[in-house]
């Protein structure tokens, strides 16, 4: 269990962490380092430390169980991982029909495909120290606590916006910065947060939302180029609507998973539910 009196303070610290991380990035201060292959992010370490400060002694195992750490389903995990490919595929199809997307013909395309396939298991394992921590805090804790207010849409919006603010410093400033591209990327991050929240609510498992996030990180930028300047994708476009992290992808994420989120909230709890 956590100390509910400290929740507002914890939420207020999240934008401060994001601001501090952004300032470090702009100043060229390194905040990432590796322990063997495990990525350790100073921002994520501080986030986890703040969470432990509001965690009551001896409550870690109970908290982890309640928030879906031990809930595992391989079909759901694989399905969640493939959702970004589905979203990118729909966006790609629309772009090809509109003649706004073209095949990038990357050098050594077969090697690129094989590298992506073999890298995915590694990313899934070694992102435990970053992405899974974020999922635990933002979906397992922040979302769940905000849901207790009885305003599910507000809880969804606030938790997703906080996560987007926290995560956006990893990709800003963009290589070719503009307020339009920055706004588009923020919109995409919020949509990813909403999608992850919807999946977590439906599955009651952090591993499902985690697998979805890994798909977003690995599959989407390999299929379609995006705002962040990724160039080794199989298809490319100069139109913001058809970016892998563009308008169509963001709207599809928000449309599909806002519906799932609402449906899951009305579903009767089964067993040890992760939700109030």
C-alpha atoms as a PDB file:
ATOM      1  CA  UNK A   1       0.000   0.000   0.000  1.00  0.00           C
ATOM      2  CA  UNK A   2       1.030   3.608  -0.503  1.00  0.00           C
ATOM      3  CA  UNK A   3       0.496   6.752   1.506  1.00  0.00           C
ATOM      4  CA  UNK A   4      -2.422   8.441  -0.254  1.00  0.00           C
ATOM      5  CA  UNK A   5      -1.610  11.774   1.348  1.00  0.00           C
ATOM      6  CA  UNK A   6       1.616  11.898  -0.660  1.00  0.00           C
ATOM      7  CA  UNK A   7       0.007  11.261  -4.057  1.00  0.00           C
ATOM      8  CA  UNK A   8      -0.359  14.968  -5.038  1.00  0.00           C
ATOM      9  CA  UNK A   9       3.285  15.566  -4.129  1.00  0.00           C
ATOM     10  CA  UNK A  10       4.366  12.542  -6.152  1.00  0.00           C
ATOM     11  CA  UNK A  11       2.408  13.718  -9.193  1.00  0.00           C
ATOM     12  CA  UNK A  12       3.888  17.199  -8.870  1.00  0.00           C
ATOM     13  CA  UNK A  13       7.398  15.721  -8.888  1.00  0.00           C
ATOM     14  CA  UNK A  14       6.908  14.100 -12.306  1.00  0.00           C
ATOM     15  CA  UNK A  15       6.995  17.372 -14.316  1.00  0.00           C
ATOM     16  CA  UNK A  16       9.990  18.442 -12.240  1.00  0.00           C
ATOM     17  CA  UNK A  17      11.820  15.250 -13.187  1.00  0.00           C
ATOM     18  CA  UNK A  18      10.967  15.829 -16.846  1.00  0.00           C
ATOM     19  CA  UNK A  19      12.225  19.434 -16.672  1.00  0.00           C
ATOM     20  CA  UNK A  20      15.459  18.413 -14.953  1.00  0.00           C
ATOM     21  CA  UNK A  21      16.078  15.685 -17.524  1.00  0.00           C
ATOM     22  CA  UNK A  22      15.414  18.098 -20.371  1.00  0.00           C
ATOM     23  CA  UNK A  23      17.857  20.625 -18.934  1.00  0.00           C
ATOM     24  CA  UNK A  24      20.498  17.910 -18.614  1.00  0.00           C
ATOM     25  CA  UNK A  25      19.963  16.905 -22.244  1.00  0.00           C
ATOM     26  CA  UNK A  26      20.308  20.485 -23.439  1.00  0.00           C
ATOM     27  CA  UNK A  27      23.455  20.936 -21.356  1.00  0.00           C
ATOM     28  CA  UNK A  28      24.978  17.746 -22.753  1.00  0.00           C
ATOM     29  CA  UNK A  29      24.982  16.050 -19.342  1.00  0.00           C
ATOM     30  CA  UNK A  30      24.809  12.280 -19.705  1.00  0.00           C
ATOM     31  CA  UNK A  31      22.000  10.730 -17.642  1.00  0.00           C
ATOM     32  CA  UNK A  32      21.994   7.262 -19.243  1.00  0.00           C
ATOM     33  CA  UNK A  33      24.466   4.489 -18.569  1.00  0.00           C
ATOM     34  CA  UNK A  34      24.605   0.719 -18.942  1.00  0.00           C
ATOM     35  CA  UNK A  35      25.100  -2.049 -16.424  1.00  0.00           C
ATOM     36  CA  UNK A  36      26.068  -4.929 -18.716  1.00  0.00           C
ATOM     37  CA  UNK A  37      23.237  -4.605 -21.276  1.00  0.00           C
ATOM     38  CA  UNK A  38      20.697  -3.081 -18.882  1.00  0.00           C
ATOM     39  CA  UNK A  39      19.991   0.564 -19.581  1.00  0.00           C
ATOM     40  CA  UNK A  40      19.891   2.681 -16.438  1.00  0.00           C
ATOM     41  CA  UNK A  41      18.270   6.079 -16.820  1.00  0.00           C
ATOM     42  CA  UNK A  42      18.833   8.622 -14.061  1.00  0.00           C
ATOM     43  CA  UNK A  43      15.329   9.988 -14.540  1.00  0.00           C
ATOM     44  CA  UNK A  44      13.771   6.538 -14.174  1.00  0.00           C
ATOM     45  CA  UNK A  45      15.911   5.746 -11.137  1.00  0.00           C
ATOM     46  CA  UNK A  46      14.698   8.925  -9.429  1.00  0.00           C
ATOM     47  CA  UNK A  47      11.118   8.109 -10.400  1.00  0.00           C
ATOM     48  CA  UNK A  48      11.417   4.650  -8.822  1.00  0.00           C
ATOM     49  CA  UNK A  49      13.062   6.145  -5.724  1.00  0.00           C
ATOM     50  CA  UNK A  50      10.190   8.619  -5.298  1.00  0.00           C
ATOM     51  CA  UNK A  51       7.700   5.785  -5.568  1.00  0.00           C
ATOM     52  CA  UNK A  52       9.485   3.798  -2.866  1.00  0.00           C
ATOM     53  CA  UNK A  53       9.307   6.839  -0.601  1.00  0.00           C
ATOM     54  CA  UNK A  54       5.504   6.731  -0.661  1.00  0.00           C
ATOM     55  CA  UNK A  55       5.371   2.938  -0.395  1.00  0.00           C
ATOM     56  CA  UNK A  56       4.508   1.677   3.055  1.00  0.00           C
ATOM     57  CA  UNK A  57       7.071  -0.718   4.605  1.00  0.00           C
ATOM     58  CA  UNK A  58       6.529  -4.367   3.709  1.00  0.00           C
ATOM     59  CA  UNK A  59       3.924  -3.595   1.052  1.00  0.00           C
ATOM     60  CA  UNK A  60       6.035  -4.169  -2.075  1.00  0.00           C
ATOM     61  CA  UNK A  61       4.889  -7.732  -2.835  1.00  0.00           C
ATOM     62  CA  UNK A  62       1.225  -6.884  -2.241  1.00  0.00           C
ATOM     63  CA  UNK A  63       1.530  -3.759  -4.386  1.00  0.00           C
ATOM     64  CA  UNK A  64       3.205  -5.659  -7.209  1.00  0.00           C
ATOM     65  CA  UNK A  65       0.526  -8.350  -7.184  1.00  0.00           C
ATOM     66  CA  UNK A  66      -2.306  -5.826  -7.091  1.00  0.00           C
ATOM     67  CA  UNK A  67      -0.902  -3.786  -9.958  1.00  0.00           C
ATOM     68  CA  UNK A  68      -0.462  -6.703 -12.357  1.00  0.00           C
ATOM     69  CA  UNK A  69       3.230  -7.597 -12.148  1.00  0.00           C
ATOM     70  CA  UNK A  70       2.469 -11.307 -11.728  1.00  0.00           C
ATOM     71  CA  UNK A  71      -0.353 -11.450 -14.271  1.00  0.00           C
ATOM     72  CA  UNK A  72       1.026 -13.062 -17.427  1.00  0.00           C
ATOM     73  CA  UNK A  73      -0.578 -14.347 -20.616  1.00  0.00           C
ATOM     74  CA  UNK A  74       1.660 -15.125 -23.581  1.00  0.00           C
ATOM     75  CA  UNK A  75      -1.103 -14.735 -26.222  1.00  0.00           C
ATOM     76  CA  UNK A  76      -2.066 -11.327 -24.812  1.00  0.00           C
ATOM     77  CA  UNK A  77       1.547 -10.210 -24.634  1.00  0.00           C
ATOM     78  CA  UNK A  78       2.214 -11.253 -28.237  1.00  0.00           C
ATOM     79  CA  UNK A  79      -1.048  -9.675 -29.382  1.00  0.00           C
ATOM     80  CA  UNK A  80      -0.208  -6.387 -27.673  1.00  0.00           C
ATOM     81  CA  UNK A  81       3.255  -6.416 -29.197  1.00  0.00           C
ATOM     82  CA  UNK A  82       1.786  -6.774 -32.703  1.00  0.00           C
ATOM     83  CA  UNK A  83      -0.721  -3.919 -32.321  1.00  0.00           C
ATOM     84  CA  UNK A  84       1.796  -1.228 -33.368  1.00  0.00           C
ATOM     85  CA  UNK A  85       2.431  -3.236 -36.539  1.00  0.00           C
ATOM     86  CA  UNK A  86      -1.309  -3.272 -37.234  1.00  0.00           C
ATOM     87  CA  UNK A  87      -1.600   0.482 -36.667  1.00  0.00           C
ATOM     88  CA  UNK A  88       1.446   1.141 -38.847  1.00  0.00           C
ATOM     89  CA  UNK A  89       0.071  -1.196 -41.499  1.00  0.00           C
ATOM     90  CA  UNK A  90      -3.236   0.664 -41.684  1.00  0.00           C
ATOM     91  CA  UNK A  91      -1.398   3.995 -41.868  1.00  0.00           C
ATOM     92  CA  UNK A  92       0.937   2.618 -44.528  1.00  0.00           C
ATOM     93  CA  UNK A  93      -1.960   1.308 -46.601  1.00  0.00           C
ATOM     94  CA  UNK A  94      -3.719   4.662 -46.458  1.00  0.00           C
ATOM     95  CA  UNK A  95      -0.508   6.431 -47.430  1.00  0.00           C
ATOM     96  CA  UNK A  96       0.107   4.140 -50.390  1.00  0.00           C
ATOM     97  CA  UNK A  97      -3.455   4.635 -51.611  1.00  0.00           C
ATOM     98  CA  UNK A  98      -3.030   8.402 -51.302  1.00  0.00           C
ATOM     99  CA  UNK A  99       0.382   8.151 -52.988  1.00  0.00           C
ATOM    100  CA  UNK A 100       1.989   9.944 -50.049  1.00  0.00           C
ATOM    101  CA  UNK A 101       4.175   7.024 -48.934  1.00  0.00           C
ATOM    102  CA  UNK A 102       6.931   5.353 -50.934  1.00  0.00           C
ATOM    103  CA  UNK A 103       9.226   2.369 -50.480  1.00  0.00           C
ATOM    104  CA  UNK A 104      12.512   3.604 -49.049  1.00  0.00           C
ATOM    105  CA  UNK A 105      14.547   0.768 -50.598  1.00  0.00           C
ATOM    106  CA  UNK A 106      16.995   0.683 -47.684  1.00  0.00           C
ATOM    107  CA  UNK A 107      20.502  -0.624 -48.199  1.00  0.00           C
ATOM    108  CA  UNK A 108      20.771  -4.248 -47.090  1.00  0.00           C
ATOM    109  CA  UNK A 109      17.027  -4.496 -46.442  1.00  0.00           C
ATOM    110  CA  UNK A 110      17.250  -8.193 -45.578  1.00  0.00           C
ATOM    111  CA  UNK A 111      19.947  -7.455 -43.003  1.00  0.00           C
ATOM    112  CA  UNK A 112      17.835  -4.659 -41.553  1.00  0.00           C
ATOM    113  CA  UNK A 113      14.854  -7.001 -41.224  1.00  0.00           C
ATOM    114  CA  UNK A 114      16.900  -9.751 -39.585  1.00  0.00           C
ATOM    115  CA  UNK A 115      18.528  -7.254 -37.219  1.00  0.00           C
ATOM    116  CA  UNK A 116      15.126  -5.961 -36.165  1.00  0.00           C
ATOM    117  CA  UNK A 117      13.851  -9.503 -35.542  1.00  0.00           C
ATOM    118  CA  UNK A 118      16.855 -10.497 -33.433  1.00  0.00           C
ATOM    119  CA  UNK A 119      16.957  -7.170 -31.582  1.00  0.00           C
ATOM    120  CA  UNK A 120      13.350  -7.419 -30.395  1.00  0.00           C
ATOM    121  CA  UNK A 121      13.937 -10.125 -27.726  1.00  0.00           C
ATOM    122  CA  UNK A 122      16.936  -8.179 -26.436  1.00  0.00           C
ATOM    123  CA  UNK A 123      14.945  -4.947 -26.216  1.00  0.00           C
ATOM    124  CA  UNK A 124      12.124  -6.814 -24.455  1.00  0.00           C
ATOM    125  CA  UNK A 125      14.529  -8.126 -21.810  1.00  0.00           C
ATOM    126  CA  UNK A 126      16.808  -5.160 -21.316  1.00  0.00           C
ATOM    127  CA  UNK A 127      14.063  -2.523 -21.178  1.00  0.00           C
ATOM    128  CA  UNK A 128      12.882  -3.924 -17.835  1.00  0.00           C
ATOM    129  CA  UNK A 129      14.893  -1.268 -16.011  1.00  0.00           C
ATOM    130  CA  UNK A 130      13.317   1.607 -17.944  1.00  0.00           C
ATOM    131  CA  UNK A 131      10.081   0.911 -19.830  1.00  0.00           C
ATOM    132  CA  UNK A 132       8.693  -1.584 -17.313  1.00  0.00           C
ATOM    133  CA  UNK A 133       9.396   0.802 -14.437  1.00  0.00           C
ATOM    134  CA  UNK A 134       7.512   3.510 -16.334  1.00  0.00           C
ATOM    135  CA  UNK A 135       4.573   1.169 -16.932  1.00  0.00           C
ATOM    136  CA  UNK A 136       4.470   0.210 -13.269  1.00  0.00           C
ATOM    137  CA  UNK A 137       4.436   3.833 -12.138  1.00  0.00           C
ATOM    138  CA  UNK A 138       2.250   5.482 -14.783  1.00  0.00           C
ATOM    139  CA  UNK A 139      -0.215   2.681 -15.509  1.00  0.00           C
ATOM    140  CA  UNK A 140       0.036   0.528 -12.392  1.00  0.00           C
ATOM    141  CA  UNK A 141       0.105   3.370  -9.895  1.00  0.00           C
ATOM    142  CA  UNK A 142      -0.814   6.813 -11.286  1.00  0.00           C
ATOM    143  CA  UNK A 143      -3.674   5.600 -13.488  1.00  0.00           C
ATOM    144  CA  UNK A 144      -5.068   3.288 -10.825  1.00  0.00           C
ATOM    145  CA  UNK A 145      -4.970   5.914  -8.096  1.00  0.00           C
ATOM    146  CA  UNK A 146      -6.600   8.526 -10.320  1.00  0.00           C
ATOM    147  CA  UNK A 147      -9.335   6.040 -11.211  1.00  0.00           C
ATOM    148  CA  UNK A 148     -10.398   6.086  -7.580  1.00  0.00           C
ATOM    149  CA  UNK A 149     -11.685   9.626  -8.131  1.00  0.00           C
ATOM    150  CA  UNK A 150     -14.584   8.119 -10.106  1.00  0.00           C
ATOM    151  CA  UNK A 151     -13.726  10.083 -13.265  1.00  0.00           C
ATOM    152  CA  UNK A 152     -12.172   7.495 -15.621  1.00  0.00           C
ATOM    153  CA  UNK A 153     -11.747   9.769 -18.638  1.00  0.00           C
ATOM    154  CA  UNK A 154      -9.999  12.389 -16.519  1.00  0.00           C
ATOM    155  CA  UNK A 155      -7.770   9.685 -15.012  1.00  0.00           C
ATOM    156  CA  UNK A 156      -6.908   8.440 -18.497  1.00  0.00           C
ATOM    157  CA  UNK A 157      -6.128  11.941 -19.778  1.00  0.00           C
ATOM    158  CA  UNK A 158      -4.057  13.062 -16.781  1.00  0.00           C
ATOM    159  CA  UNK A 159      -1.992   9.870 -16.496  1.00  0.00           C
ATOM    160  CA  UNK A 160      -1.301   9.830 -20.245  1.00  0.00           C
ATOM    161  CA  UNK A 161      -0.390  13.524 -20.314  1.00  0.00           C
ATOM    162  CA  UNK A 162       1.983  13.099 -17.367  1.00  0.00           C
ATOM    163  CA  UNK A 163       3.653  10.164 -19.071  1.00  0.00           C
ATOM    164  CA  UNK A 164       3.982  12.095 -22.345  1.00  0.00           C
ATOM    165  CA  UNK A 165       5.585  15.004 -20.497  1.00  0.00           C
ATOM    166  CA  UNK A 166       7.942  12.618 -18.720  1.00  0.00           C
ATOM    167  CA  UNK A 167       8.919  10.769 -21.909  1.00  0.00           C
ATOM    168  CA  UNK A 168       9.086  13.605 -24.444  1.00  0.00           C
ATOM    169  CA  UNK A 169      12.465  14.847 -23.216  1.00  0.00           C
ATOM    170  CA  UNK A 170      14.026  11.705 -24.682  1.00  0.00           C
ATOM    171  CA  UNK A 171      13.394  12.889 -28.235  1.00  0.00           C
ATOM    172  CA  UNK A 172      13.394  16.685 -27.960  1.00  0.00           C
ATOM    173  CA  UNK A 173      14.902  18.766 -29.353  1.00  0.00           C
ATOM    174  CA  UNK A 174      14.226  17.181 -32.714  1.00  0.00           C
ATOM    175  CA  UNK A 175      16.872  17.175 -35.416  1.00  0.00           C
ATOM    176  CA  UNK A 176      14.773  19.656 -37.388  1.00  0.00           C
ATOM    177  CA  UNK A 177      12.770  21.325 -34.625  1.00  0.00           C
ATOM    178  CA  UNK A 178       9.491  23.098 -35.303  1.00  0.00           C
ATOM    179  CA  UNK A 179       6.548  23.774 -33.021  1.00  0.00           C
ATOM    180  CA  UNK A 180       4.319  21.810 -35.383  1.00  0.00           C
ATOM    181  CA  UNK A 181       6.507  18.699 -35.305  1.00  0.00           C
ATOM    182  CA  UNK A 182       6.936  18.985 -31.532  1.00  0.00           C
ATOM    183  CA  UNK A 183       3.181  19.317 -31.052  1.00  0.00           C
ATOM    184  CA  UNK A 184       2.570  16.348 -33.320  1.00  0.00           C
ATOM    185  CA  UNK A 185       5.012  14.235 -31.339  1.00  0.00           C
ATOM    186  CA  UNK A 186       3.435  15.217 -28.017  1.00  0.00           C
ATOM    187  CA  UNK A 187       0.041  14.249 -29.421  1.00  0.00           C
ATOM    188  CA  UNK A 188       1.479  10.869 -30.458  1.00  0.00           C
ATOM    189  CA  UNK A 189       2.982  10.251 -27.029  1.00  0.00           C
ATOM    190  CA  UNK A 190      -0.334  11.013 -25.369  1.00  0.00           C
ATOM    191  CA  UNK A 191      -2.018   8.588 -27.786  1.00  0.00           C
ATOM    192  CA  UNK A 192       0.536   5.887 -26.911  1.00  0.00           C
ATOM    193  CA  UNK A 193      -0.171   6.528 -23.235  1.00  0.00           C
ATOM    194  CA  UNK A 194      -3.896   6.161 -23.815  1.00  0.00           C
ATOM    195  CA  UNK A 195      -3.301   2.938 -25.759  1.00  0.00           C
ATOM    196  CA  UNK A 196      -1.102   1.502 -23.013  1.00  0.00           C
ATOM    197  CA  UNK A 197      -3.711   2.479 -20.411  1.00  0.00           C
ATOM    198  CA  UNK A 198      -6.453   0.812 -22.414  1.00  0.00           C
ATOM    199  CA  UNK A 199      -4.471  -2.394 -22.762  1.00  0.00           C
ATOM    200  CA  UNK A 200      -3.581  -2.416 -19.082  1.00  0.00           C
ATOM    201  CA  UNK A 201      -7.189  -1.867 -18.114  1.00  0.00           C
ATOM    202  CA  UNK A 202      -8.427  -4.671 -20.360  1.00  0.00           C
ATOM    203  CA  UNK A 203      -5.716  -7.183 -19.442  1.00  0.00           C
ATOM    204  CA  UNK A 204      -4.973  -6.122 -15.850  1.00  0.00           C
ATOM    205  CA  UNK A 205      -1.358  -6.986 -16.642  1.00  0.00           C
ATOM    206  CA  UNK A 206       1.615  -4.647 -16.831  1.00  0.00           C
ATOM    207  CA  UNK A 207       3.320  -7.075 -19.198  1.00  0.00           C
ATOM    208  CA  UNK A 208       0.676  -6.443 -21.842  1.00  0.00           C
ATOM    209  CA  UNK A 209       1.131  -2.667 -21.847  1.00  0.00           C
ATOM    210  CA  UNK A 210       4.899  -3.226 -21.638  1.00  0.00           C
ATOM    211  CA  UNK A 211       4.856  -5.473 -24.729  1.00  0.00           C
ATOM    212  CA  UNK A 212       2.840  -2.829 -26.579  1.00  0.00           C
ATOM    213  CA  UNK A 213       5.453  -0.200 -25.695  1.00  0.00           C
ATOM    214  CA  UNK A 214       8.240  -2.472 -26.977  1.00  0.00           C
ATOM    215  CA  UNK A 215       6.332  -2.812 -30.246  1.00  0.00           C
ATOM    216  CA  UNK A 216       6.064   0.969 -30.473  1.00  0.00           C
ATOM    217  CA  UNK A 217       9.820   1.275 -29.940  1.00  0.00           C
ATOM    218  CA  UNK A 218      10.932  -1.431 -32.369  1.00  0.00           C
ATOM    219  CA  UNK A 219       8.291  -2.216 -34.977  1.00  0.00           C
ATOM    220  CA  UNK A 220       6.700   1.137 -35.806  1.00  0.00           C
ATOM    221  CA  UNK A 221       9.913   3.047 -36.702  1.00  0.00           C
ATOM    222  CA  UNK A 222      11.084   0.103 -38.810  1.00  0.00           C
ATOM    223  CA  UNK A 223       7.951   0.222 -40.949  1.00  0.00           C
ATOM    224  CA  UNK A 224       7.381   3.960 -41.366  1.00  0.00           C
ATOM    225  CA  UNK A 225       9.609   7.007 -40.987  1.00  0.00           C
ATOM    226  CA  UNK A 226       8.554   9.486 -38.339  1.00  0.00           C
ATOM    227  CA  UNK A 227       8.851  12.929 -36.791  1.00  0.00           C
ATOM    228  CA  UNK A 228      11.993  11.970 -34.888  1.00  0.00           C
ATOM    229  CA  UNK A 229      14.017  11.659 -38.071  1.00  0.00           C
ATOM    230  CA  UNK A 230      14.393   7.863 -38.164  1.00  0.00           C
ATOM    231  CA  UNK A 231      15.632   7.109 -41.687  1.00  0.00           C
ATOM    232  CA  UNK A 232      16.183   3.320 -41.735  1.00  0.00           C
ATOM    233  CA  UNK A 233      12.497   2.471 -42.140  1.00  0.00           C
ATOM    234  CA  UNK A 234      11.220   0.409 -45.042  1.00  0.00           C
ATOM    235  CA  UNK A 235       8.754   3.122 -46.082  1.00  0.00           C
ATOM    236  CA  UNK A 236       9.112   6.873 -45.977  1.00  0.00           C
ATOM    237  CA  UNK A 237       6.886   9.923 -46.264  1.00  0.00           C
ATOM    238  CA  UNK A 238       7.115  13.689 -46.005  1.00  0.00           C
ATOM    239  CA  UNK A 239       3.482  14.075 -44.951  1.00  0.00           C
ATOM    240  CA  UNK A 240       2.807  14.398 -41.229  1.00  0.00           C
ATOM    241  CA  UNK A 241      -0.486  12.561 -41.495  1.00  0.00           C
ATOM    242  CA  UNK A 242       1.258   9.375 -42.625  1.00  0.00           C
ATOM    243  CA  UNK A 243       4.283   9.336 -40.325  1.00  0.00           C
ATOM    244  CA  UNK A 244       4.626   6.277 -38.124  1.00  0.00           C
ATOM    245  CA  UNK A 245       4.136   8.676 -35.224  1.00  0.00           C
ATOM    246  CA  UNK A 246       1.866  10.992 -37.166  1.00  0.00           C
ATOM    247  CA  UNK A 247      -1.736  12.114 -37.131  1.00  0.00           C
ATOM    248  CA  UNK A 248      -3.418   8.969 -38.483  1.00  0.00           C
ATOM    249  CA  UNK A 249      -1.506   6.614 -36.186  1.00  0.00           C
ATOM    250  CA  UNK A 250      -2.255   8.811 -33.154  1.00  0.00           C
ATOM    251  CA  UNK A 251      -5.957   9.027 -33.950  1.00  0.00           C
ATOM    252  CA  UNK A 252      -6.206   5.268 -34.482  1.00  0.00           C
ATOM    253  CA  UNK A 253      -4.534   4.614 -31.143  1.00  0.00           C
ATOM    254  CA  UNK A 254      -6.839   7.009 -29.317  1.00  0.00           C
ATOM    255  CA  UNK A 255      -9.960   5.740 -31.082  1.00  0.00           C
ATOM    256  CA  UNK A 256      -9.402   2.035 -30.538  1.00  0.00           C
ATOM    257  CA  UNK A 257      -8.104   2.119 -27.014  1.00  0.00           C
ATOM    258  CA  UNK A 258     -10.328   4.799 -25.556  1.00  0.00           C
ATOM    259  CA  UNK A 259     -13.196   2.448 -26.473  1.00  0.00           C
ATOM    260  CA  UNK A 260     -11.436  -0.538 -24.892  1.00  0.00           C
ATOM    261  CA  UNK A 261     -10.650   1.475 -21.793  1.00  0.00           C
ATOM    262  CA  UNK A 262     -14.273   2.471 -21.345  1.00  0.00           C
ATOM    263  CA  UNK A 263     -15.484  -1.088 -21.934  1.00  0.00           C
ATOM    264  CA  UNK A 264     -12.984  -2.525 -19.469  1.00  0.00           C
ATOM    265  CA  UNK A 265     -14.015  -0.071 -16.779  1.00  0.00           C
ATOM    266  CA  UNK A 266     -17.569  -1.412 -16.978  1.00  0.00           C
ATOM    267  CA  UNK A 267     -16.480  -5.042 -16.842  1.00  0.00           C
ATOM    268  CA  UNK A 268     -17.004  -6.888 -13.546  1.00  0.00           C
ATOM    269  CA  UNK A 269     -13.784  -7.523 -11.620  1.00  0.00           C
ATOM    270  CA  UNK A 270     -12.376 -11.041 -11.789  1.00  0.00           C
ATOM    271  CA  UNK A 271     -10.163 -12.342  -9.025  1.00  0.00           C
ATOM    272  CA  UNK A 272      -7.456  -9.987  -7.842  1.00  0.00           C
ATOM    273  CA  UNK A 273      -8.324  -7.049 -10.065  1.00  0.00           C
ATOM    274  CA  UNK A 274      -5.787  -4.304 -10.628  1.00  0.00           C
ATOM    275  CA  UNK A 275      -8.549  -1.725 -10.455  1.00  0.00           C
ATOM    276  CA  UNK A 276     -10.861  -0.282  -7.820  1.00  0.00           C
END
